[in-house]
Amino acid sequence: VLLYPETYARNNAIASEKQYTLWVLDLQYLDHY
């Protein structure tokens, strides 16, 4: 289960194995880059 925000898990003593970072790439700017 992915749970967001991580602070909710921490504040409610819900164990987590990993933390992920969501990275969003808007490709409409790729040609300019």
Full PDB file with SEQRES, HELIX, SHEET, SSBOND, CRYST1, ORIGX, SCALE, CONECT and MASTER records, all heavy atoms in Angstrom:
SEQRES   1 A   33  VAL LEU LEU TYR PRO GLU THR TYR ALA ARG ASN ASN ALA          
SEQRES   2 A   33  ILE ALA SER GLU LYS GLN TYR THR LEU TRP VAL LEU ASP          
SEQRES   3 A   33  LEU GLN TYR LEU ASP HIS TYR                                  
HELIX    1 AA1 GLU A    6  ASN A   11  1                                   6    
HELIX    2 AA2 LEU A   27  TYR A   29  5                                   3    
CRYST1    1.000    1.000    1.000  90.00  90.00  90.00 P 1           1          
ORIGX1      1.000000  0.000000  0.000000        0.00000                         
ORIGX2      0.000000  1.000000  0.000000        0.00000                         
ORIGX3      0.000000  0.000000  1.000000        0.00000                         
SCALE1      1.000000  0.000000  0.000000        0.00000                         
SCALE2      0.000000  1.000000  0.000000        0.00000                         
SCALE3      0.000000  0.000000  1.000000        0.00000                         
ATOM      1  N   VAL A   1       0.854  -1.183   0.000  1.00  0.00           N  
ATOM      2  CA  VAL A   1       0.000   0.000   0.000  1.00  0.00           C  
ATOM      3  C   VAL A   1       0.891   1.234   0.000  1.00  0.00           C  
ATOM      4  O   VAL A   1       1.825   1.320   0.799  1.00  0.00           O  
ATOM      5  CB  VAL A   1      -0.919   0.029   1.243  1.00  0.00           C  
ATOM      6  CG1 VAL A   1      -1.747   1.301   1.274  1.00  0.00           C  
ATOM      7  CG2 VAL A   1      -1.810  -1.198   1.288  1.00  0.00           C  
ATOM      8  N   LEU A   2       0.614   2.154  -0.893  1.00  0.00           N  
ATOM      9  CA  LEU A   2       1.290   3.434  -0.878  1.00  0.00           C  
ATOM     10  C   LEU A   2       0.412   4.392  -0.087  1.00  0.00           C  
ATOM     11  O   LEU A   2      -0.798   4.465  -0.325  1.00  0.00           O  
ATOM     12  CB  LEU A   2       1.514   3.947  -2.298  1.00  0.00           C  
ATOM     13  CG  LEU A   2       2.383   3.081  -3.193  1.00  0.00           C  
ATOM     14  CD1 LEU A   2       2.414   3.629  -4.613  1.00  0.00           C  
ATOM     15  CD2 LEU A   2       3.787   2.986  -2.644  1.00  0.00           C  
ATOM     16  N   LEU A   3       1.013   5.097   0.843  1.00  0.00           N  
ATOM     17  CA  LEU A   3       0.259   5.986   1.726  1.00  0.00           C  
ATOM     18  C   LEU A   3       0.861   7.373   1.677  1.00  0.00           C  
ATOM     19  O   LEU A   3       2.079   7.545   1.845  1.00  0.00           O  
ATOM     20  CB  LEU A   3       0.304   5.437   3.158  1.00  0.00           C  
ATOM     21  CG  LEU A   3      -0.448   6.211   4.231  1.00  0.00           C  
ATOM     22  CD1 LEU A   3      -1.943   6.280   3.918  1.00  0.00           C  
ATOM     23  CD2 LEU A   3      -0.229   5.551   5.590  1.00  0.00           C  
ATOM     24  N   TYR A   4       0.007   8.357   1.436  1.00  0.00           N  
ATOM     25  CA  TYR A   4       0.453   9.746   1.359  1.00  0.00           C  
ATOM     26  C   TYR A   4      -0.435  10.588   2.258  1.00  0.00           C  
ATOM     27  O   TYR A   4      -1.647  10.401   2.253  1.00  0.00           O  
ATOM     28  CB  TYR A   4       0.360  10.244  -0.086  1.00  0.00           C  
ATOM     29  CG  TYR A   4       0.771  11.683  -0.240  1.00  0.00           C  
ATOM     30  CD1 TYR A   4       2.107  12.029  -0.406  1.00  0.00           C  
ATOM     31  CD2 TYR A   4      -0.169  12.706  -0.195  1.00  0.00           C  
ATOM     32  CE1 TYR A   4       2.496  13.349  -0.532  1.00  0.00           C  
ATOM     33  CE2 TYR A   4       0.213  14.032  -0.322  1.00  0.00           C  
ATOM     34  CZ  TYR A   4       1.542  14.341  -0.483  1.00  0.00           C  
ATOM     35  OH  TYR A   4       1.926  15.650  -0.600  1.00  0.00           O  
ATOM     36  N   PRO A   5       0.080  11.472   3.037  1.00  0.00           N  
ATOM     37  CA  PRO A   5       1.484  11.818   3.218  1.00  0.00           C  
ATOM     38  C   PRO A   5       2.178  10.886   4.209  1.00  0.00           C  
ATOM     39  O   PRO A   5       1.535  10.260   5.050  1.00  0.00           O  
ATOM     40  CB  PRO A   5       1.441  13.251   3.755  1.00  0.00           C  
ATOM     41  CG  PRO A   5       0.171  13.304   4.532  1.00  0.00           C  
ATOM     42  CD  PRO A   5      -0.792  12.405   3.788  1.00  0.00           C  
ATOM     43  N   GLU A   6       3.470  10.839   4.105  1.00  0.00           N  
ATOM     44  CA  GLU A   6       4.276   9.988   4.982  1.00  0.00           C  
ATOM     45  C   GLU A   6       4.110  10.395   6.439  1.00  0.00           C  
ATOM     46  O   GLU A   6       4.167   9.557   7.337  1.00  0.00           O  
ATOM     47  CB  GLU A   6       5.747  10.075   4.539  1.00  0.00           C  
ATOM     48  CG  GLU A   6       6.704   9.210   5.316  1.00  0.00           C  
ATOM     49  CD  GLU A   6       7.246   9.894   6.556  1.00  0.00           C  
ATOM     50  OE1 GLU A   6       7.313  11.127   6.579  1.00  0.00           O  
ATOM     51  OE2 GLU A   6       7.590   9.176   7.513  1.00  0.00           O  
ATOM     52  N   THR A   7       3.865  11.653   6.677  1.00  0.00           N  
ATOM     53  CA  THR A   7       3.695  12.120   8.063  1.00  0.00           C  
ATOM     54  C   THR A   7       2.486  11.474   8.732  1.00  0.00           C  
ATOM     55  O   THR A   7       2.494  11.254   9.932  1.00  0.00           O  
ATOM     56  CB  THR A   7       3.556  13.647   8.130  1.00  0.00           C  
ATOM     57  OG1 THR A   7       2.496  14.053   7.249  1.00  0.00           O  
ATOM     58  CG2 THR A   7       4.852  14.335   7.730  1.00  0.00           C  
ATOM     59  N   TYR A   8       1.449  11.156   7.955  1.00  0.00           N  
ATOM     60  CA  TYR A   8       0.287  10.470   8.537  1.00  0.00           C  
ATOM     61  C   TYR A   8       0.707   9.111   9.076  1.00  0.00           C  
ATOM     62  O   TYR A   8       0.337   8.740  10.189  1.00  0.00           O  
ATOM     63  CB  TYR A   8      -0.850  10.317   7.517  1.00  0.00           C  
ATOM     64  CG  TYR A   8      -1.998   9.526   8.097  1.00  0.00           C  
ATOM     65  CD1 TYR A   8      -2.959  10.150   8.878  1.00  0.00           C  
ATOM     66  CD2 TYR A   8      -2.100   8.153   7.908  1.00  0.00           C  
ATOM     67  CE1 TYR A   8      -3.990   9.435   9.456  1.00  0.00           C  
ATOM     68  CE2 TYR A   8      -3.122   7.427   8.474  1.00  0.00           C  
ATOM     69  CZ  TYR A   8      -4.071   8.071   9.249  1.00  0.00           C  
ATOM     70  OH  TYR A   8      -5.073   7.357   9.832  1.00  0.00           O  
ATOM     71  N   ALA A   9       1.478   8.364   8.290  1.00  0.00           N  
ATOM     72  CA  ALA A   9       1.949   7.045   8.738  1.00  0.00           C  
ATOM     73  C   ALA A   9       2.783   7.188  10.011  1.00  0.00           C  
ATOM     74  O   ALA A   9       2.577   6.450  10.984  1.00  0.00           O  
ATOM     75  CB  ALA A   9       2.760   6.368   7.636  1.00  0.00           C  
ATOM     76  N   ARG A  10       3.697   8.122  10.002  1.00  0.00           N  
ATOM     77  CA  ARG A  10       4.567   8.327  11.167  1.00  0.00           C  
ATOM     78  C   ARG A  10       3.754   8.727  12.403  1.00  0.00           C  
ATOM     79  O   ARG A  10       3.947   8.173  13.490  1.00  0.00           O  
ATOM     80  CB  ARG A  10       5.608   9.398  10.849  1.00  0.00           C  
ATOM     81  CG  ARG A  10       6.698   9.496  11.872  1.00  0.00           C  
ATOM     82  CD  ARG A  10       7.832  10.448  11.514  1.00  0.00           C  
ATOM     83  NE  ARG A  10       7.863  10.978  10.168  1.00  0.00           N  
ATOM     84  CZ  ARG A  10       7.658  12.260   9.869  1.00  0.00           C  
ATOM     85  NH1 ARG A  10       7.434  13.150  10.800  1.00  0.00           N  
ATOM     86  NH2 ARG A  10       7.712  12.662   8.620  1.00  0.00           N  
ATOM     87  N   ASN A  11       2.818   9.650  12.254  1.00  0.00           N  
ATOM     88  CA  ASN A  11       2.022  10.135  13.385  1.00  0.00           C  
ATOM     89  C   ASN A  11       1.049   9.106  13.927  1.00  0.00           C  
ATOM     90  O   ASN A  11       0.573   9.226  15.057  1.00  0.00           O  
ATOM     91  CB  ASN A  11       1.257  11.407  12.998  1.00  0.00           C  
ATOM     92  CG  ASN A  11       2.171  12.566  12.722  1.00  0.00           C  
ATOM     93  OD1 ASN A  11       3.333  12.576  13.136  1.00  0.00           O  
ATOM     94  ND2 ASN A  11       1.662  13.559  12.016  1.00  0.00           N  
ATOM     95  N   ASN A  12       0.743   8.084  13.124  1.00  0.00           N  
ATOM     96  CA  ASN A  12      -0.207   7.050  13.549  1.00  0.00           C  
ATOM     97  C   ASN A  12       0.454   5.690  13.735  1.00  0.00           C  
ATOM     98  O   ASN A  12      -0.237   4.674  13.748  1.00  0.00           O  
ATOM     99  CB  ASN A  12      -1.355   6.968  12.545  1.00  0.00           C  
ATOM    100  CG  ASN A  12      -2.262   8.159  12.642  1.00  0.00           C  
ATOM    101  OD1 ASN A  12      -3.131   8.213  13.498  1.00  0.00           O  
ATOM    102  ND2 ASN A  12      -2.037   9.159  11.799  1.00  0.00           N  
ATOM    103  N   ALA A  13       1.759   5.688  13.880  1.00  0.00           N  
ATOM    104  CA  ALA A  13       2.536   4.471  14.141  1.00  0.00           C  
ATOM    105  C   ALA A  13       2.232   3.368  13.129  1.00  0.00           C  
ATOM    106  O   ALA A  13       2.042   2.207  13.492  1.00  0.00           O  
ATOM    107  CB  ALA A  13       2.301   3.987  15.569  1.00  0.00           C  
ATOM    108  N   ILE A  14       2.184   3.730  11.861  1.00  0.00           N  
ATOM    109  CA  ILE A  14       1.988   2.760  10.788  1.00  0.00           C  
ATOM    110  C   ILE A  14       3.362   2.494  10.186  1.00  0.00           C  
ATOM    111  O   ILE A  14       4.018   3.404   9.678  1.00  0.00           O  
ATOM    112  CB  ILE A  14       1.011   3.293   9.718  1.00  0.00           C  
ATOM    113  CG1 ILE A  14      -0.360   3.554  10.353  1.00  0.00           C  
ATOM    114  CG2 ILE A  14       0.902   2.317   8.552  1.00  0.00           C  
ATOM    115  CD1 ILE A  14      -1.348   4.241   9.431  1.00  0.00           C  
ATOM    116  N   ALA A  15       3.779   1.253  10.273  1.00  0.00           N  
ATOM    117  CA  ALA A  15       5.115   0.874   9.800  1.00  0.00           C  
ATOM    118  C   ALA A  15       5.207   1.027   8.286  1.00  0.00           C  
ATOM    119  O   ALA A  15       4.240   0.781   7.561  1.00  0.00           O  
ATOM    120  CB  ALA A  15       5.418  -0.565  10.197  1.00  0.00           C  
ATOM    121  N   SER A  16       6.382   1.421   7.826  1.00  0.00           N  
ATOM    122  CA  SER A  16       6.615   1.505   6.383  1.00  0.00           C  
ATOM    123  C   SER A  16       7.977   0.915   6.075  1.00  0.00           C  
ATOM    124  O   SER A  16       8.917   1.045   6.849  1.00  0.00           O  
ATOM    125  CB  SER A  16       6.530   2.959   5.903  1.00  0.00           C  
ATOM    126  OG  SER A  16       7.535   3.730   6.499  1.00  0.00           O  
ATOM    127  N   GLU A  17       8.045   0.248   4.927  1.00  0.00           N  
ATOM    128  CA  GLU A  17       9.297  -0.368   4.499  1.00  0.00           C  
ATOM    129  C   GLU A  17      10.138   0.571   3.654  1.00  0.00           C  
ATOM    130  O   GLU A  17      11.355   0.543   3.707  1.00  0.00           O  
ATOM    131  CB  GLU A  17       9.012  -1.638   3.693  1.00  0.00           C  
ATOM    132  CG  GLU A  17       8.431  -2.760   4.513  1.00  0.00           C  
ATOM    133  CD  GLU A  17       8.151  -3.986   3.652  1.00  0.00           C  
ATOM    134  OE1 GLU A  17       8.750  -4.120   2.559  1.00  0.00           O  
ATOM    135  OE2 GLU A  17       7.328  -4.815   4.081  1.00  0.00           O  
ATOM    136  N   LYS A  18       9.478   1.382   2.827  1.00  0.00           N  
ATOM    137  CA  LYS A  18      10.183   2.236   1.882  1.00  0.00           C  
ATOM    138  C   LYS A  18       9.485   3.582   1.787  1.00  0.00           C  
ATOM    139  O   LYS A  18       8.305   3.697   2.082  1.00  0.00           O  
ATOM    140  CB  LYS A  18      10.195   1.615   0.475  1.00  0.00           C  
ATOM    141  CG  LYS A  18      10.895   0.300   0.366  1.00  0.00           C  
ATOM    142  CD  LYS A  18      10.792  -0.223  -1.063  1.00  0.00           C  
ATOM    143  CE  LYS A  18      11.413  -1.592  -1.181  1.00  0.00           C  
ATOM    144  NZ  LYS A  18      11.271  -2.121  -2.532  1.00  0.00           N  
ATOM    145  N   GLN A  19      10.237   4.548   1.316  1.00  0.00           N  
ATOM    146  CA  GLN A  19       9.663   5.841   0.970  1.00  0.00           C  
ATOM    147  C   GLN A  19       9.959   6.103  -0.500  1.00  0.00           C  
ATOM    148  O   GLN A  19      11.067   5.838  -0.969  1.00  0.00           O  
ATOM    149  CB  GLN A  19      10.264   6.964   1.801  1.00  0.00           C  
ATOM    150  CG  GLN A  19       9.769   6.994   3.210  1.00  0.00           C  
ATOM    151  CD  GLN A  19      10.288   8.234   3.941  1.00  0.00           C  
ATOM    152  OE1 GLN A  19      11.121   8.973   3.446  1.00  0.00           O  
ATOM    153  NE2 GLN A  19       9.783   8.447   5.130  1.00  0.00           N  
ATOM    154  N   TYR A  20       8.957   6.584  -1.207  1.00  0.00           N  
ATOM    155  CA  TYR A  20       9.110   6.897  -2.616  1.00  0.00           C  
ATOM    156  C   TYR A  20       8.927   8.402  -2.818  1.00  0.00           C  
ATOM    157  O   TYR A  20       8.226   9.049  -2.050  1.00  0.00           O  
ATOM    158  CB  TYR A  20       8.059   6.156  -3.465  1.00  0.00           C  
ATOM    159  CG  TYR A  20       8.254   4.671  -3.505  1.00  0.00           C  
ATOM    160  CD1 TYR A  20       7.600   3.836  -2.607  1.00  0.00           C  
ATOM    161  CD2 TYR A  20       9.091   4.090  -4.456  1.00  0.00           C  
ATOM    162  CE1 TYR A  20       7.775   2.468  -2.649  1.00  0.00           C  
ATOM    163  CE2 TYR A  20       9.266   2.725  -4.503  1.00  0.00           C  
ATOM    164  CZ  TYR A  20       8.608   1.914  -3.596  1.00  0.00           C  
ATOM    165  OH  TYR A  20       8.787   0.568  -3.644  1.00  0.00           O  
ATOM    166  N   THR A  21       9.538   8.895  -3.853  1.00  0.00           N  
ATOM    167  CA  THR A  21       9.362  10.279  -4.248  1.00  0.00           C  
ATOM    168  C   THR A  21       8.636  10.293  -5.581  1.00  0.00           C  
ATOM    169  O   THR A  21       9.057   9.624  -6.519  1.00  0.00           O  
ATOM    170  CB  THR A  21      10.732  10.989  -4.398  1.00  0.00           C  
ATOM    171  OG1 THR A  21      11.401  10.940  -3.136  1.00  0.00           O  
ATOM    172  CG2 THR A  21      10.553  12.425  -4.829  1.00  0.00           C  
ATOM    173  N   LEU A  22       7.552  11.029  -5.633  1.00  0.00           N  
ATOM    174  CA  LEU A  22       6.820  11.175  -6.889  1.00  0.00           C  
ATOM    175  C   LEU A  22       7.506  12.254  -7.704  1.00  0.00           C  
ATOM    176  O   LEU A  22       7.696  13.374  -7.248  1.00  0.00           O  
ATOM    177  CB  LEU A  22       5.366  11.572  -6.619  1.00  0.00           C  
ATOM    178  CG  LEU A  22       4.511  11.858  -7.847  1.00  0.00           C  
ATOM    179  CD1 LEU A  22       4.366  10.616  -8.722  1.00  0.00           C  
ATOM    180  CD2 LEU A  22       3.152  12.385  -7.437  1.00  0.00           C  
ATOM    181  N   TRP A  23       7.899  11.902  -8.913  1.00  0.00           N  
ATOM    182  CA  TRP A  23       8.547  12.836  -9.821  1.00  0.00           C  
ATOM    183  C   TRP A  23       7.674  12.944 -11.049  1.00  0.00           C  
ATOM    184  O   TRP A  23       7.335  11.933 -11.677  1.00  0.00           O  
ATOM    185  CB  TRP A  23       9.946  12.335 -10.171  1.00  0.00           C  
ATOM    186  CG  TRP A  23      10.722  13.231 -11.068  1.00  0.00           C  
ATOM    187  CD1 TRP A  23      10.969  14.564 -10.885  1.00  0.00           C  
ATOM    188  CD2 TRP A  23      11.374  12.874 -12.286  1.00  0.00           C  
ATOM    189  NE1 TRP A  23      11.736  15.040 -11.915  1.00  0.00           N  
ATOM    190  CE2 TRP A  23      12.006  14.036 -12.794  1.00  0.00           C  
ATOM    191  CE3 TRP A  23      11.491  11.686 -12.994  1.00  0.00           C  
ATOM    192  CZ2 TRP A  23      12.730  14.040 -13.967  1.00  0.00           C  
ATOM    193  CZ3 TRP A  23      12.216  11.696 -14.170  1.00  0.00           C  
ATOM    194  CH2 TRP A  23      12.827  12.861 -14.641  1.00  0.00           C  
ATOM    195  N   VAL A  24       7.289  14.143 -11.395  1.00  0.00           N  
ATOM    196  CA  VAL A  24       6.422  14.377 -12.532  1.00  0.00           C  
ATOM    197  C   VAL A  24       7.198  15.164 -13.578  1.00  0.00           C  
ATOM    198  O   VAL A  24       7.774  16.209 -13.270  1.00  0.00           O  
ATOM    199  CB  VAL A  24       5.158  15.164 -12.110  1.00  0.00           C  
ATOM    200  CG1 VAL A  24       4.297  15.461 -13.320  1.00  0.00           C  
ATOM    201  CG2 VAL A  24       4.377  14.387 -11.060  1.00  0.00           C  
ATOM    202  N   LEU A  25       7.209  14.658 -14.784  1.00  0.00           N  
ATOM    203  CA  LEU A  25       7.885  15.317 -15.895  1.00  0.00           C  
ATOM    204  C   LEU A  25       6.833  15.699 -16.925  1.00  0.00           C  
ATOM    205  O   LEU A  25       6.167  14.835 -17.491  1.00  0.00           O  
ATOM    206  CB  LEU A  25       8.925  14.378 -16.526  1.00  0.00           C  
ATOM    207  CG  LEU A  25       9.652  14.888 -17.762  1.00  0.00           C  
ATOM    208  CD1 LEU A  25      10.464  16.133 -17.440  1.00  0.00           C  
ATOM    209  CD2 LEU A  25      10.552  13.798 -18.322  1.00  0.00           C  
ATOM    210  N   ASP A  26       6.665  16.986 -17.138  1.00  0.00           N  
ATOM    211  CA  ASP A  26       5.723  17.479 -18.130  1.00  0.00           C  
ATOM    212  C   ASP A  26       6.465  17.576 -19.461  1.00  0.00           C  
ATOM    213  O   ASP A  26       7.288  18.465 -19.664  1.00  0.00           O  
ATOM    214  CB  ASP A  26       5.187  18.839 -17.708  1.00  0.00           C  
ATOM    215  CG  ASP A  26       4.027  19.293 -18.576  1.00  0.00           C  
ATOM    216  OD1 ASP A  26       3.862  18.766 -19.694  1.00  0.00           O  
ATOM    217  OD2 ASP A  26       3.287  20.184 -18.132  1.00  0.00           O  
ATOM    218  N   LEU A  27       6.196  16.655 -20.355  1.00  0.00           N  
ATOM    219  CA  LEU A  27       6.936  16.546 -21.613  1.00  0.00           C  
ATOM    220  C   LEU A  27       6.661  17.671 -22.602  1.00  0.00           C  
ATOM    221  O   LEU A  27       7.379  17.800 -23.592  1.00  0.00           O  
ATOM    222  CB  LEU A  27       6.653  15.197 -22.265  1.00  0.00           C  
ATOM    223  CG  LEU A  27       7.124  13.990 -21.458  1.00  0.00           C  
ATOM    224  CD1 LEU A  27       6.741  12.706 -22.168  1.00  0.00           C  
ATOM    225  CD2 LEU A  27       8.613  14.033 -21.222  1.00  0.00           C  
ATOM    226  N   GLN A  28       5.689  18.514 -22.323  1.00  0.00           N  
ATOM    227  CA  GLN A  28       5.425  19.607 -23.262  1.00  0.00           C  
ATOM    228  C   GLN A  28       6.587  20.597 -23.325  1.00  0.00           C  
ATOM    229  O   GLN A  28       6.707  21.362 -24.266  1.00  0.00           O  
ATOM    230  CB  GLN A  28       4.129  20.330 -22.912  1.00  0.00           C  
ATOM    231  CG  GLN A  28       4.202  21.202 -21.675  1.00  0.00           C  
ATOM    232  CD  GLN A  28       2.916  21.969 -21.447  1.00  0.00           C  
ATOM    233  OE1 GLN A  28       2.171  22.255 -22.385  1.00  0.00           O  
ATOM    234  NE2 GLN A  28       2.648  22.287 -20.196  1.00  0.00           N  
ATOM    235  N   TYR A  29       7.472  20.582 -22.312  1.00  0.00           N  
ATOM    236  CA  TYR A  29       8.611  21.491 -22.294  1.00  0.00           C  
ATOM    237  C   TYR A  29       9.907  20.825 -22.755  1.00  0.00           C  
ATOM    238  O   TYR A  29      10.950  21.451 -22.763  1.00  0.00           O  
ATOM    239  CB  TYR A  29       8.805  22.063 -20.887  1.00  0.00           C  
ATOM    240  CG  TYR A  29       7.579  22.793 -20.397  1.00  0.00           C  
ATOM    241  CD1 TYR A  29       6.770  22.244 -19.400  1.00  0.00           C  
ATOM    242  CD2 TYR A  29       7.208  24.009 -20.953  1.00  0.00           C  
ATOM    243  CE1 TYR A  29       5.634  22.915 -18.970  1.00  0.00           C  
ATOM    244  CE2 TYR A  29       6.078  24.678 -20.533  1.00  0.00           C  
ATOM    245  CZ  TYR A  29       5.298  24.122 -19.530  1.00  0.00           C  
ATOM    246  OH  TYR A  29       4.179  24.773 -19.125  1.00  0.00           O  
ATOM    247  N   LEU A  30       9.851  19.571 -23.118  1.00  0.00           N  
ATOM    248  CA  LEU A  30      11.046  18.824 -23.470  1.00  0.00           C  
ATOM    249  C   LEU A  30      11.768  19.390 -24.696  1.00  0.00           C  
ATOM    250  O   LEU A  30      12.992  19.505 -24.693  1.00  0.00           O  
ATOM    251  CB  LEU A  30      10.700  17.352 -23.697  1.00  0.00           C  
ATOM    252  CG  LEU A  30      11.813  16.353 -23.550  1.00  0.00           C  
ATOM    253  CD1 LEU A  30      12.492  16.464 -22.200  1.00  0.00           C  
ATOM    254  CD2 LEU A  30      11.300  14.953 -23.756  1.00  0.00           C  
ATOM    255  N   ASP A  31      11.049  19.768 -25.740  1.00  0.00           N  
ATOM    256  CA  ASP A  31      11.682  20.329 -26.940  1.00  0.00           C  
ATOM    257  C   ASP A  31      12.457  21.610 -26.619  1.00  0.00           C  
ATOM    258  O   ASP A  31      13.567  21.812 -27.099  1.00  0.00           O  
ATOM    259  CB  ASP A  31      10.643  20.614 -28.029  1.00  0.00           C  
ATOM    260  CG  ASP A  31      10.106  19.344 -28.661  1.00  0.00           C  
ATOM    261  OD1 ASP A  31      10.752  18.277 -28.508  1.00  0.00           O  
ATOM    262  OD2 ASP A  31       9.039  19.406 -29.293  1.00  0.00           O  
ATOM    263  N   HIS A  32      11.882  22.463 -25.785  1.00  0.00           N  
ATOM    264  CA  HIS A  32      12.566  23.697 -25.395  1.00  0.00           C  
ATOM    265  C   HIS A  32      13.850  23.383 -24.622  1.00  0.00           C  
ATOM    266  O   HIS A  32      14.880  24.033 -24.814  1.00  0.00           O  
ATOM    267  CB  HIS A  32      11.660  24.592 -24.548  1.00  0.00           C  
ATOM    268  CG  HIS A  32      10.433  25.032 -25.259  1.00  0.00           C  
ATOM    269  ND1 HIS A  32      10.467  25.856 -26.366  1.00  0.00           N  
ATOM    270  CD2 HIS A  32       9.126  24.762 -25.019  1.00  0.00           C  
ATOM    271  CE1 HIS A  32       9.227  26.078 -26.772  1.00  0.00           C  
ATOM    272  NE2 HIS A  32       8.404  25.423 -25.977  1.00  0.00           N  
ATOM    273  N   TYR A  33      13.774  22.378 -23.767  1.00  0.00           N  
ATOM    274  CA  TYR A  33      14.941  22.001 -22.967  1.00  0.00           C  
ATOM    275  C   TYR A  33      16.069  21.495 -23.873  1.00  0.00           C  
ATOM    276  O   TYR A  33      17.225  21.912 -23.729  1.00  0.00           O  
ATOM    277  CB  TYR A  33      14.551  20.938 -21.942  1.00  0.00           C  
ATOM    278  CG  TYR A  33      15.721  20.358 -21.190  1.00  0.00           C  
ATOM    279  CD1 TYR A  33      16.422  21.114 -20.252  1.00  0.00           C  
ATOM    280  CD2 TYR A  33      16.141  19.052 -21.422  1.00  0.00           C  
ATOM    281  CE1 TYR A  33      17.502  20.598 -19.561  1.00  0.00           C  
ATOM    282  CE2 TYR A  33      17.221  18.516 -20.739  1.00  0.00           C  
ATOM    283  CZ  TYR A  33      17.889  19.295 -19.804  1.00  0.00           C  
ATOM    284  OH  TYR A  33      18.955  18.769 -19.122  1.00  0.00           O  
TER     285      TYR A  33                                                      
MASTER        0    0    0    2    0    0    0    6  284    1    0    3          
END                                                                             
